Amino acid sequence: MKILLANDRLDTQAEPLLKEKKQVITHLHLAGQTVIPMQKSAMTVTVVPVHGRVVFATANDKTEIYPGKVVVMLPNEAHRLEALEDSDVIMIHYKLAE
C-alpha cells in the first residue's frame, strides 16, 4: 500500500504525488479564473475535483466539474480546464493493460 498526501497549502500550480511508468498522479491547484489551454495526454486520464468548481472542456463538449462529479478521458483526447473559483483537482494518468 502507498499513502499519497497532497499539500493543502499548495502555492504552485502542480504537485506530483506519484510518477511511475504506467501511472502518474498529480494534485493541481488552480486559482480562480486560471485557464489551462487545450492539451492532450497519451494516457487515459481521470480528473477528480476535490475542492471548487472547474469547467472541463474537450473539442466537442464542456461541463462544470466539482467534488462528486468525475471526468474520464481517453488517450489523446484534447482538453482544457478553467477554474471558476479557487480549486483543487487530482489528475490520474494511467495506461490500461493491453
N, C-alpha and C. Protein backbone atom coordinates (compact mmCIF):
# COMPACT_ATOMS: atom_id res chain seq x y z
N MET A 1 0.84 -1.17 0.00
CA MET A 1 0.00 0.00 0.00
C MET A 1 0.89 1.24 0.00
N LYS A 2 0.48 2.25 -0.78
CA LYS A 2 1.16 3.54 -0.78
C LYS A 2 0.17 4.58 -0.30
N ILE A 3 0.62 5.46 0.55
CA ILE A 3 -0.19 6.58 1.02
C ILE A 3 0.36 7.83 0.36
N LEU A 4 -0.49 8.55 -0.35
CA LEU A 4 -0.10 9.79 -1.02
C LEU A 4 -0.82 10.94 -0.33
N LEU A 5 -0.12 11.98 0.03
CA LEU A 5 -0.71 13.09 0.76
C LEU A 5 -0.48 14.38 -0.01
N ALA A 6 -1.58 15.02 -0.42
CA ALA A 6 -1.49 16.29 -1.14
C ALA A 6 -1.33 17.43 -0.14
N ASN A 7 -0.57 18.43 -0.52
CA ASN A 7 -0.35 19.61 0.30
C ASN A 7 -1.59 20.50 0.20
N ASP A 8 -2.25 20.76 1.32
CA ASP A 8 -3.45 21.60 1.28
C ASP A 8 -3.14 23.09 1.29
N ARG A 9 -1.86 23.42 1.30
CA ARG A 9 -1.43 24.83 1.23
C ARG A 9 -0.52 25.04 0.03
N LEU A 10 -0.88 24.43 -1.07
CA LEU A 10 -0.06 24.46 -2.27
C LEU A 10 -0.04 25.86 -2.88
N ASP A 11 1.16 26.41 -3.07
CA ASP A 11 1.31 27.72 -3.70
C ASP A 11 1.53 27.61 -5.20
N THR A 12 2.12 26.52 -5.62
CA THR A 12 2.39 26.33 -7.04
C THR A 12 1.20 25.63 -7.69
N GLN A 13 1.18 25.57 -9.00
CA GLN A 13 0.04 25.01 -9.71
C GLN A 13 -0.02 23.50 -9.66
N ALA A 14 1.10 22.81 -9.84
CA ALA A 14 1.08 21.34 -9.92
C ALA A 14 2.00 20.73 -8.87
N GLU A 15 1.51 19.68 -8.22
CA GLU A 15 2.28 18.96 -7.22
C GLU A 15 2.26 17.47 -7.59
N PRO A 16 3.40 16.92 -8.03
CA PRO A 16 3.44 15.50 -8.34
C PRO A 16 3.25 14.67 -7.06
N LEU A 17 2.36 13.69 -7.10
CA LEU A 17 2.15 12.81 -5.95
C LEU A 17 2.73 11.42 -6.21
N LEU A 18 2.72 10.98 -7.48
CA LEU A 18 3.23 9.67 -7.85
C LEU A 18 3.63 9.70 -9.32
N LYS A 19 4.79 9.17 -9.61
CA LYS A 19 5.22 9.09 -11.01
C LYS A 19 5.83 7.72 -11.25
N GLU A 20 5.12 6.89 -11.99
CA GLU A 20 5.58 5.57 -12.38
C GLU A 20 5.41 5.42 -13.88
N LYS A 21 5.96 4.34 -14.43
CA LYS A 21 5.93 4.15 -15.88
C LYS A 21 4.51 4.18 -16.45
N LYS A 22 3.55 3.55 -15.78
CA LYS A 22 2.19 3.45 -16.31
C LYS A 22 1.16 4.24 -15.51
N GLN A 23 1.62 5.07 -14.57
CA GLN A 23 0.68 5.85 -13.78
C GLN A 23 1.34 7.10 -13.24
N VAL A 24 0.65 8.23 -13.40
CA VAL A 24 1.11 9.50 -12.86
C VAL A 24 -0.09 10.14 -12.15
N ILE A 25 0.12 10.54 -10.90
CA ILE A 25 -0.93 11.20 -10.15
C ILE A 25 -0.41 12.59 -9.75
N THR A 26 -1.21 13.61 -10.06
CA THR A 26 -0.82 14.99 -9.81
C THR A 26 -1.94 15.72 -9.10
N HIS A 27 -1.58 16.48 -8.09
CA HIS A 27 -2.51 17.40 -7.43
C HIS A 27 -2.36 18.73 -8.14
N LEU A 28 -3.45 19.25 -8.66
CA LEU A 28 -3.43 20.51 -9.40
C LEU A 28 -4.20 21.55 -8.62
N HIS A 29 -3.54 22.64 -8.24
CA HIS A 29 -4.21 23.75 -7.58
C HIS A 29 -4.38 24.85 -8.62
N LEU A 30 -5.62 25.30 -8.79
CA LEU A 30 -5.93 26.34 -9.76
C LEU A 30 -6.56 27.53 -9.04
N ALA A 31 -5.91 28.68 -9.10
CA ALA A 31 -6.53 29.89 -8.56
C ALA A 31 -7.72 30.23 -9.45
N GLY A 32 -8.71 30.87 -8.87
CA GLY A 32 -9.89 31.26 -9.65
C GLY A 32 -9.52 31.99 -10.92
N GLN A 33 -10.19 31.67 -12.01
CA GLN A 33 -10.00 32.25 -13.34
C GLN A 33 -8.77 31.73 -14.08
N THR A 34 -8.02 30.80 -13.49
CA THR A 34 -6.88 30.20 -14.17
C THR A 34 -7.38 29.31 -15.31
N VAL A 35 -6.73 29.41 -16.47
CA VAL A 35 -7.07 28.58 -17.63
C VAL A 35 -5.86 27.74 -18.00
N ILE A 36 -6.08 26.45 -18.14
CA ILE A 36 -5.05 25.57 -18.69
C ILE A 36 -5.47 25.31 -20.13
N PRO A 37 -4.67 25.75 -21.11
CA PRO A 37 -5.08 25.66 -22.51
C PRO A 37 -5.20 24.22 -23.01
N MET A 38 -5.82 24.08 -24.17
CA MET A 38 -6.05 22.78 -24.81
C MET A 38 -4.75 22.00 -24.87
N GLN A 39 -4.79 20.73 -24.44
CA GLN A 39 -3.64 19.84 -24.44
C GLN A 39 -4.12 18.41 -24.54
N LYS A 40 -3.20 17.47 -24.72
CA LYS A 40 -3.52 16.05 -24.82
C LYS A 40 -2.61 15.25 -23.90
N SER A 41 -3.07 14.06 -23.53
CA SER A 41 -2.25 13.11 -22.79
C SER A 41 -2.28 11.79 -23.55
N ALA A 42 -1.15 11.11 -23.62
CA ALA A 42 -1.08 9.81 -24.29
C ALA A 42 -1.73 8.72 -23.44
N MET A 43 -2.09 9.05 -22.21
CA MET A 43 -2.67 8.07 -21.29
C MET A 43 -4.17 8.34 -21.10
N THR A 44 -4.87 7.36 -20.53
CA THR A 44 -6.22 7.59 -20.05
C THR A 44 -6.10 8.49 -18.83
N VAL A 45 -7.05 9.42 -18.66
CA VAL A 45 -6.98 10.36 -17.55
C VAL A 45 -8.31 10.40 -16.80
N THR A 46 -8.23 10.32 -15.48
CA THR A 46 -9.39 10.53 -14.62
C THR A 46 -9.13 11.82 -13.85
N VAL A 47 -10.10 12.74 -13.90
CA VAL A 47 -9.99 14.03 -13.22
C VAL A 47 -10.97 14.03 -12.05
N VAL A 48 -10.43 14.16 -10.84
CA VAL A 48 -11.23 14.09 -9.63
C VAL A 48 -11.17 15.44 -8.90
N PRO A 49 -12.22 16.23 -8.97
CA PRO A 49 -12.23 17.51 -8.23
C PRO A 49 -12.31 17.24 -6.72
N VAL A 50 -11.52 17.97 -5.96
CA VAL A 50 -11.50 17.84 -4.51
C VAL A 50 -12.13 19.06 -3.85
N HIS A 51 -11.97 20.21 -4.49
CA HIS A 51 -12.46 21.47 -3.94
C HIS A 51 -12.70 22.43 -5.09
N GLY A 52 -13.77 23.19 -5.05
CA GLY A 52 -14.02 24.23 -6.03
C GLY A 52 -14.82 23.75 -7.24
N ARG A 53 -14.85 24.62 -8.26
CA ARG A 53 -15.60 24.35 -9.49
C ARG A 53 -14.70 24.67 -10.69
N VAL A 54 -14.68 23.75 -11.65
CA VAL A 54 -13.82 23.86 -12.83
C VAL A 54 -14.63 23.52 -14.07
N VAL A 55 -14.48 24.32 -15.13
CA VAL A 55 -15.07 23.95 -16.41
C VAL A 55 -14.06 23.07 -17.12
N PHE A 56 -14.49 21.88 -17.49
CA PHE A 56 -13.65 20.92 -18.21
C PHE A 56 -14.20 20.84 -19.62
N ALA A 57 -13.35 21.10 -20.62
CA ALA A 57 -13.82 21.15 -22.00
C ALA A 57 -12.96 20.28 -22.90
N THR A 58 -13.62 19.66 -23.89
CA THR A 58 -12.94 18.95 -24.97
C THR A 58 -13.25 19.73 -26.25
N ALA A 59 -12.82 19.22 -27.37
CA ALA A 59 -13.08 19.91 -28.64
C ALA A 59 -14.58 19.98 -28.94
N ASN A 60 -15.36 19.02 -28.42
CA ASN A 60 -16.77 18.95 -28.77
C ASN A 60 -17.74 19.15 -27.62
N ASP A 61 -17.26 19.29 -26.39
CA ASP A 61 -18.16 19.33 -25.25
C ASP A 61 -17.50 20.06 -24.09
N LYS A 62 -18.32 20.51 -23.15
CA LYS A 62 -17.78 21.06 -21.92
C LYS A 62 -18.78 20.84 -20.80
N THR A 63 -18.25 20.74 -19.57
CA THR A 63 -19.08 20.51 -18.40
C THR A 63 -18.41 21.12 -17.19
N GLU A 64 -19.19 21.52 -16.23
CA GLU A 64 -18.64 22.00 -14.97
C GLU A 64 -18.45 20.80 -14.06
N ILE A 65 -17.25 20.68 -13.48
CA ILE A 65 -17.00 19.59 -12.54
C ILE A 65 -16.75 20.17 -11.16
N TYR A 66 -17.05 19.37 -10.15
CA TYR A 66 -16.97 19.78 -8.75
C TYR A 66 -16.87 18.49 -7.93
N PRO A 67 -16.58 18.56 -6.64
CA PRO A 67 -16.46 17.32 -5.86
C PRO A 67 -17.69 16.44 -6.04
N GLY A 68 -17.45 15.18 -6.41
CA GLY A 68 -18.51 14.23 -6.65
C GLY A 68 -18.81 14.01 -8.13
N LYS A 69 -18.34 14.90 -9.00
CA LYS A 69 -18.52 14.76 -10.45
C LYS A 69 -17.14 14.57 -11.08
N VAL A 70 -16.89 13.39 -11.63
CA VAL A 70 -15.57 12.98 -12.12
C VAL A 70 -15.61 12.84 -13.63
N VAL A 71 -14.52 13.17 -14.30
CA VAL A 71 -14.39 13.04 -15.75
C VAL A 71 -13.34 11.98 -16.07
N VAL A 72 -13.62 11.13 -17.05
CA VAL A 72 -12.63 10.16 -17.55
C VAL A 72 -12.44 10.43 -19.04
N MET A 73 -11.19 10.59 -19.46
CA MET A 73 -10.85 10.87 -20.86
C MET A 73 -10.06 9.72 -21.46
N LEU A 74 -10.23 9.53 -22.74
CA LEU A 74 -9.46 8.54 -23.48
C LEU A 74 -8.10 9.12 -23.84
N PRO A 75 -7.12 8.27 -24.15
CA PRO A 75 -5.81 8.77 -24.58
C PRO A 75 -5.95 9.69 -25.79
N ASN A 76 -5.14 10.74 -25.81
CA ASN A 76 -5.04 11.71 -26.89
C ASN A 76 -6.30 12.53 -27.11
N GLU A 77 -7.18 12.60 -26.13
CA GLU A 77 -8.37 13.45 -26.22
C GLU A 77 -7.97 14.87 -25.78
N ALA A 78 -8.12 15.82 -26.69
CA ALA A 78 -7.76 17.21 -26.38
C ALA A 78 -8.72 17.74 -25.31
N HIS A 79 -8.16 18.49 -24.35
CA HIS A 79 -8.97 19.01 -23.26
C HIS A 79 -8.36 20.29 -22.70
N ARG A 80 -9.19 21.07 -22.00
CA ARG A 80 -8.73 22.27 -21.32
C ARG A 80 -9.50 22.41 -20.02
N LEU A 81 -8.95 23.19 -19.08
CA LEU A 81 -9.61 23.43 -17.80
C LEU A 81 -9.64 24.92 -17.52
N GLU A 82 -10.72 25.36 -16.88
CA GLU A 82 -10.83 26.74 -16.44
C GLU A 82 -11.43 26.75 -15.04
N ALA A 83 -10.69 27.28 -14.08
CA ALA A 83 -11.17 27.34 -12.70
C ALA A 83 -12.15 28.49 -12.54
N LEU A 84 -13.36 28.19 -12.10
CA LEU A 84 -14.36 29.22 -11.85
C LEU A 84 -14.12 29.88 -10.49
N GLU A 85 -13.42 29.18 -9.62
CA GLU A 85 -13.04 29.68 -8.30
C GLU A 85 -11.79 28.92 -7.89
N ASP A 86 -11.17 29.28 -6.79
CA ASP A 86 -10.01 28.53 -6.33
C ASP A 86 -10.41 27.06 -6.23
N SER A 87 -9.61 26.19 -6.87
CA SER A 87 -9.99 24.78 -6.99
C SER A 87 -8.77 23.88 -6.86
N ASP A 88 -9.04 22.64 -6.43
CA ASP A 88 -8.03 21.59 -6.38
C ASP A 88 -8.59 20.36 -7.06
N VAL A 89 -7.81 19.77 -7.95
CA VAL A 89 -8.20 18.53 -8.61
C VAL A 89 -7.05 17.55 -8.54
N ILE A 90 -7.39 16.27 -8.53
CA ILE A 90 -6.40 15.21 -8.64
C ILE A 90 -6.51 14.65 -10.05
N MET A 91 -5.40 14.68 -10.79
CA MET A 91 -5.33 14.16 -12.16
C MET A 91 -4.63 12.81 -12.10
N ILE A 92 -5.32 11.76 -12.54
CA ILE A 92 -4.74 10.42 -12.53
C ILE A 92 -4.57 9.97 -13.98
N HIS A 93 -3.32 9.92 -14.43
CA HIS A 93 -2.98 9.46 -15.79
C HIS A 93 -2.53 8.01 -15.69
N TYR A 94 -3.07 7.16 -16.54
CA TYR A 94 -2.69 5.75 -16.46
C TYR A 94 -2.81 5.06 -17.81
N LYS A 95 -2.02 4.01 -17.99
CA LYS A 95 -2.11 3.16 -19.17
C LYS A 95 -2.81 1.88 -18.74
N LEU A 96 -3.90 1.57 -19.41
CA LEU A 96 -4.62 0.33 -19.14
C LEU A 96 -3.86 -0.85 -19.70
N ALA A 97 -4.01 -2.00 -19.10
CA ALA A 97 -3.35 -3.21 -19.60
C ALA A 97 -3.80 -3.49 -21.02
N GLU A 98 -2.88 -3.90 -21.85
CA GLU A 98 -3.22 -4.19 -23.26
C GLU A 98 -3.41 -5.66 -23.49
